[in-house]
Amino acid sequence: MTIATDSGLWIPPHADELLVVTVDAGASDTDFEGMLLVNQAANDWLRGRLDTGTYFDMLDHVGIDPLNFVTEVEEHVNLLVSHF
């Protein structure tokens, strides 16, 4: 299931929250540091301080499929726009 569903719309206070990743409480220090790195990269990418290739490489490096991840966010944004 993706975040872009017709069953309900989640509208974050800030657009960059759509790209936030989280880890569970039992995550290793390495996974936690990776989460912080990816979230800062998303913030930098949305503000034009990081190019798309570098952002996608970073996602891939931590095991996130960049195209699927960003496509899911794009679908959610499109769903939001179509409802308002």
N, C-alpha and C. Protein backbone atom coordinates (compact mmCIF):
# COMPACT_ATOMS: atom_id res chain seq x y z
N MET A 1 0.85 -1.18 0.00
CA MET A 1 0.00 0.00 0.00
C MET A 1 0.89 1.24 0.00
N THR A 2 0.53 2.22 -0.76
CA THR A 2 1.29 3.45 -0.81
C THR A 2 0.57 4.54 -0.03
N ILE A 3 1.26 5.65 0.18
CA ILE A 3 0.63 6.76 0.89
C ILE A 3 -0.38 7.47 0.01
N ALA A 4 -0.31 7.25 -1.30
CA ALA A 4 -1.24 7.92 -2.22
C ALA A 4 -2.42 7.00 -2.49
N THR A 5 -3.38 7.00 -1.60
CA THR A 5 -4.56 6.18 -1.77
C THR A 5 -5.80 7.04 -1.72
N ASP A 6 -6.86 6.53 -2.28
CA ASP A 6 -8.12 7.27 -2.25
C ASP A 6 -8.84 7.13 -0.91
N SER A 7 -8.35 6.26 -0.04
CA SER A 7 -9.04 6.03 1.23
C SER A 7 -8.84 7.17 2.23
N GLY A 8 -7.85 7.97 2.02
CA GLY A 8 -7.59 9.09 2.92
C GLY A 8 -6.38 9.85 2.46
N LEU A 9 -6.37 11.13 2.72
CA LEU A 9 -5.25 11.97 2.29
C LEU A 9 -4.48 12.46 3.51
N TRP A 10 -3.21 12.25 3.47
CA TRP A 10 -2.35 12.78 4.52
C TRP A 10 -1.68 14.03 3.98
N ILE A 11 -1.89 15.13 4.62
CA ILE A 11 -1.29 16.39 4.19
C ILE A 11 -0.33 16.86 5.27
N PRO A 12 0.96 16.77 4.99
CA PRO A 12 1.94 17.17 6.00
C PRO A 12 2.02 18.69 6.09
N PRO A 13 2.47 19.18 7.24
CA PRO A 13 2.63 20.63 7.38
C PRO A 13 3.69 21.20 6.44
N HIS A 14 4.69 20.39 6.09
CA HIS A 14 5.76 20.83 5.20
C HIS A 14 5.99 19.75 4.14
N ALA A 15 6.22 20.18 2.91
CA ALA A 15 6.39 19.23 1.80
C ALA A 15 7.53 18.25 2.04
N ASP A 16 8.59 18.69 2.70
CA ASP A 16 9.73 17.80 2.90
C ASP A 16 9.38 16.62 3.80
N GLU A 17 8.30 16.70 4.54
CA GLU A 17 7.89 15.58 5.38
C GLU A 17 7.41 14.39 4.55
N LEU A 18 7.08 14.61 3.29
CA LEU A 18 6.71 13.50 2.42
C LEU A 18 7.91 12.60 2.12
N LEU A 19 9.11 13.12 2.26
CA LEU A 19 10.32 12.36 1.96
C LEU A 19 11.02 11.84 3.20
N VAL A 20 10.42 12.00 4.36
CA VAL A 20 11.04 11.57 5.61
C VAL A 20 11.01 10.05 5.70
N VAL A 21 12.11 9.48 6.15
CA VAL A 21 12.17 8.06 6.45
C VAL A 21 12.36 7.91 7.96
N THR A 22 11.90 6.79 8.49
CA THR A 22 12.04 6.53 9.92
C THR A 22 12.58 5.12 10.14
N VAL A 23 13.10 4.91 11.32
CA VAL A 23 13.51 3.57 11.75
C VAL A 23 12.79 3.26 13.04
N ASP A 24 12.66 2.00 13.36
CA ASP A 24 11.97 1.65 14.59
C ASP A 24 12.90 1.78 15.79
N ALA A 25 12.34 1.66 16.96
CA ALA A 25 13.08 1.89 18.21
C ALA A 25 14.25 0.94 18.38
N GLY A 26 14.18 -0.23 17.79
CA GLY A 26 15.26 -1.20 17.93
C GLY A 26 16.34 -1.09 16.87
N ALA A 27 16.33 -0.04 16.09
CA ALA A 27 17.29 0.12 15.00
C ALA A 27 18.71 0.28 15.54
N SER A 28 19.65 -0.15 14.75
CA SER A 28 21.06 0.00 15.13
C SER A 28 21.46 1.47 15.00
N ASP A 29 22.59 1.80 15.61
CA ASP A 29 23.11 3.16 15.49
C ASP A 29 23.38 3.51 14.02
N THR A 30 23.85 2.53 13.27
CA THR A 30 24.13 2.76 11.85
C THR A 30 22.85 3.09 11.10
N ASP A 31 21.78 2.34 11.36
CA ASP A 31 20.50 2.63 10.70
C ASP A 31 19.96 3.99 11.12
N PHE A 32 20.11 4.33 12.39
CA PHE A 32 19.65 5.64 12.87
C PHE A 32 20.42 6.76 12.19
N GLU A 33 21.72 6.61 12.09
CA GLU A 33 22.54 7.63 11.42
C GLU A 33 22.18 7.72 9.94
N GLY A 34 21.88 6.58 9.31
CA GLY A 34 21.44 6.57 7.91
C GLY A 34 20.14 7.33 7.74
N MET A 35 19.22 7.15 8.69
CA MET A 35 17.94 7.87 8.65
C MET A 35 18.19 9.38 8.69
N LEU A 36 19.05 9.80 9.60
CA LEU A 36 19.34 11.24 9.70
C LEU A 36 19.97 11.76 8.41
N LEU A 37 20.88 10.99 7.84
CA LEU A 37 21.54 11.37 6.60
C LEU A 37 20.54 11.51 5.46
N VAL A 38 19.65 10.52 5.32
CA VAL A 38 18.66 10.54 4.23
C VAL A 38 17.69 11.70 4.42
N ASN A 39 17.26 11.95 5.63
CA ASN A 39 16.31 13.04 5.86
C ASN A 39 16.95 14.40 5.61
N GLN A 40 18.21 14.57 5.97
CA GLN A 40 18.89 15.83 5.66
C GLN A 40 19.08 15.98 4.16
N ALA A 41 19.39 14.88 3.48
CA ALA A 41 19.56 14.91 2.02
C ALA A 41 18.25 15.30 1.35
N ALA A 42 17.12 14.79 1.84
CA ALA A 42 15.81 15.14 1.26
C ALA A 42 15.57 16.64 1.41
N ASN A 43 15.89 17.16 2.58
CA ASN A 43 15.73 18.58 2.84
C ASN A 43 16.60 19.39 1.88
N ASP A 44 17.85 18.99 1.74
CA ASP A 44 18.77 19.69 0.84
C ASP A 44 18.32 19.59 -0.62
N TRP A 45 17.82 18.42 -1.03
CA TRP A 45 17.38 18.22 -2.40
C TRP A 45 16.19 19.11 -2.73
N LEU A 46 15.22 19.17 -1.82
CA LEU A 46 14.04 20.00 -2.06
C LEU A 46 14.37 21.49 -2.12
N ARG A 47 15.43 21.88 -1.48
CA ARG A 47 15.83 23.29 -1.46
C ARG A 47 16.90 23.62 -2.49
N GLY A 48 17.22 22.64 -3.36
CA GLY A 48 18.17 22.88 -4.45
C GLY A 48 19.62 22.89 -4.02
N ARG A 49 19.92 22.38 -2.84
CA ARG A 49 21.31 22.34 -2.37
C ARG A 49 21.98 21.01 -2.66
N LEU A 50 21.22 20.09 -3.26
CA LEU A 50 21.74 18.77 -3.60
C LEU A 50 21.12 18.36 -4.92
N ASP A 51 21.95 17.90 -5.86
CA ASP A 51 21.41 17.52 -7.16
C ASP A 51 20.71 16.16 -7.07
N THR A 52 19.85 15.90 -8.04
CA THR A 52 19.03 14.69 -8.04
C THR A 52 19.88 13.42 -8.07
N GLY A 53 20.92 13.40 -8.87
CA GLY A 53 21.78 12.21 -8.95
C GLY A 53 22.40 11.86 -7.62
N THR A 54 22.89 12.86 -6.91
CA THR A 54 23.50 12.63 -5.60
C THR A 54 22.45 12.15 -4.60
N TYR A 55 21.27 12.77 -4.62
CA TYR A 55 20.19 12.35 -3.72
C TYR A 55 19.79 10.91 -4.00
N PHE A 56 19.62 10.57 -5.27
CA PHE A 56 19.24 9.20 -5.63
C PHE A 56 20.34 8.21 -5.24
N ASP A 57 21.60 8.58 -5.44
CA ASP A 57 22.72 7.71 -5.05
C ASP A 57 22.70 7.47 -3.54
N MET A 58 22.39 8.49 -2.77
CA MET A 58 22.34 8.36 -1.32
C MET A 58 21.21 7.42 -0.90
N LEU A 59 20.04 7.58 -1.52
CA LEU A 59 18.94 6.66 -1.22
C LEU A 59 19.33 5.22 -1.54
N ASP A 60 19.91 5.03 -2.69
CA ASP A 60 20.31 3.69 -3.11
C ASP A 60 21.35 3.11 -2.15
N HIS A 61 22.26 3.92 -1.70
CA HIS A 61 23.33 3.48 -0.80
C HIS A 61 22.78 2.92 0.51
N VAL A 62 21.67 3.47 1.00
CA VAL A 62 21.09 2.99 2.25
C VAL A 62 19.99 1.96 2.01
N GLY A 63 19.82 1.50 0.76
CA GLY A 63 18.88 0.43 0.47
C GLY A 63 17.48 0.86 0.10
N ILE A 64 17.31 2.13 -0.25
CA ILE A 64 16.00 2.63 -0.68
C ILE A 64 16.02 2.77 -2.19
N ASP A 65 15.06 2.15 -2.87
CA ASP A 65 14.96 2.28 -4.32
C ASP A 65 14.51 3.70 -4.64
N PRO A 66 15.40 4.53 -5.19
CA PRO A 66 15.08 5.95 -5.39
C PRO A 66 13.85 6.20 -6.25
N LEU A 67 13.74 5.49 -7.38
CA LEU A 67 12.62 5.75 -8.27
C LEU A 67 11.29 5.37 -7.64
N ASN A 68 11.23 4.23 -6.98
CA ASN A 68 9.99 3.84 -6.31
C ASN A 68 9.64 4.79 -5.19
N PHE A 69 10.62 5.21 -4.42
CA PHE A 69 10.39 6.10 -3.29
C PHE A 69 9.86 7.45 -3.75
N VAL A 70 10.53 8.05 -4.71
CA VAL A 70 10.12 9.37 -5.19
C VAL A 70 8.81 9.28 -5.98
N THR A 71 8.60 8.18 -6.71
CA THR A 71 7.35 8.01 -7.45
C THR A 71 6.17 7.94 -6.49
N GLU A 72 6.34 7.27 -5.37
CA GLU A 72 5.27 7.19 -4.38
C GLU A 72 4.92 8.59 -3.85
N VAL A 73 5.91 9.39 -3.60
CA VAL A 73 5.68 10.77 -3.14
C VAL A 73 4.99 11.57 -4.23
N GLU A 74 5.44 11.42 -5.46
CA GLU A 74 4.84 12.12 -6.59
C GLU A 74 3.36 11.76 -6.74
N GLU A 75 3.04 10.48 -6.59
CA GLU A 75 1.65 10.03 -6.68
C GLU A 75 0.80 10.68 -5.58
N HIS A 76 1.37 10.78 -4.40
CA HIS A 76 0.63 11.39 -3.30
C HIS A 76 0.37 12.88 -3.58
N VAL A 77 1.39 13.58 -4.05
CA VAL A 77 1.24 15.00 -4.37
C VAL A 77 0.19 15.18 -5.47
N ASN A 78 0.25 14.35 -6.51
CA ASN A 78 -0.74 14.44 -7.59
C ASN A 78 -2.15 14.20 -7.07
N LEU A 79 -2.30 13.25 -6.16
CA LEU A 79 -3.60 12.97 -5.57
C LEU A 79 -4.09 14.18 -4.77
N LEU A 80 -3.20 14.79 -4.03
CA LEU A 80 -3.56 15.99 -3.27
C LEU A 80 -4.02 17.13 -4.19
N VAL A 81 -3.25 17.35 -5.24
CA VAL A 81 -3.55 18.44 -6.18
C VAL A 81 -4.89 18.19 -6.87
N SER A 82 -5.16 16.94 -7.20
CA SER A 82 -6.42 16.65 -7.91
C SER A 82 -7.66 16.81 -7.02
N HIS A 83 -7.47 16.80 -5.71
CA HIS A 83 -8.59 16.93 -4.79
C HIS A 83 -8.83 18.38 -4.35
N PHE A 84 -7.91 19.26 -4.67
CA PHE A 84 -8.07 20.64 -4.20
C PHE A 84 -8.07 21.60 -5.33
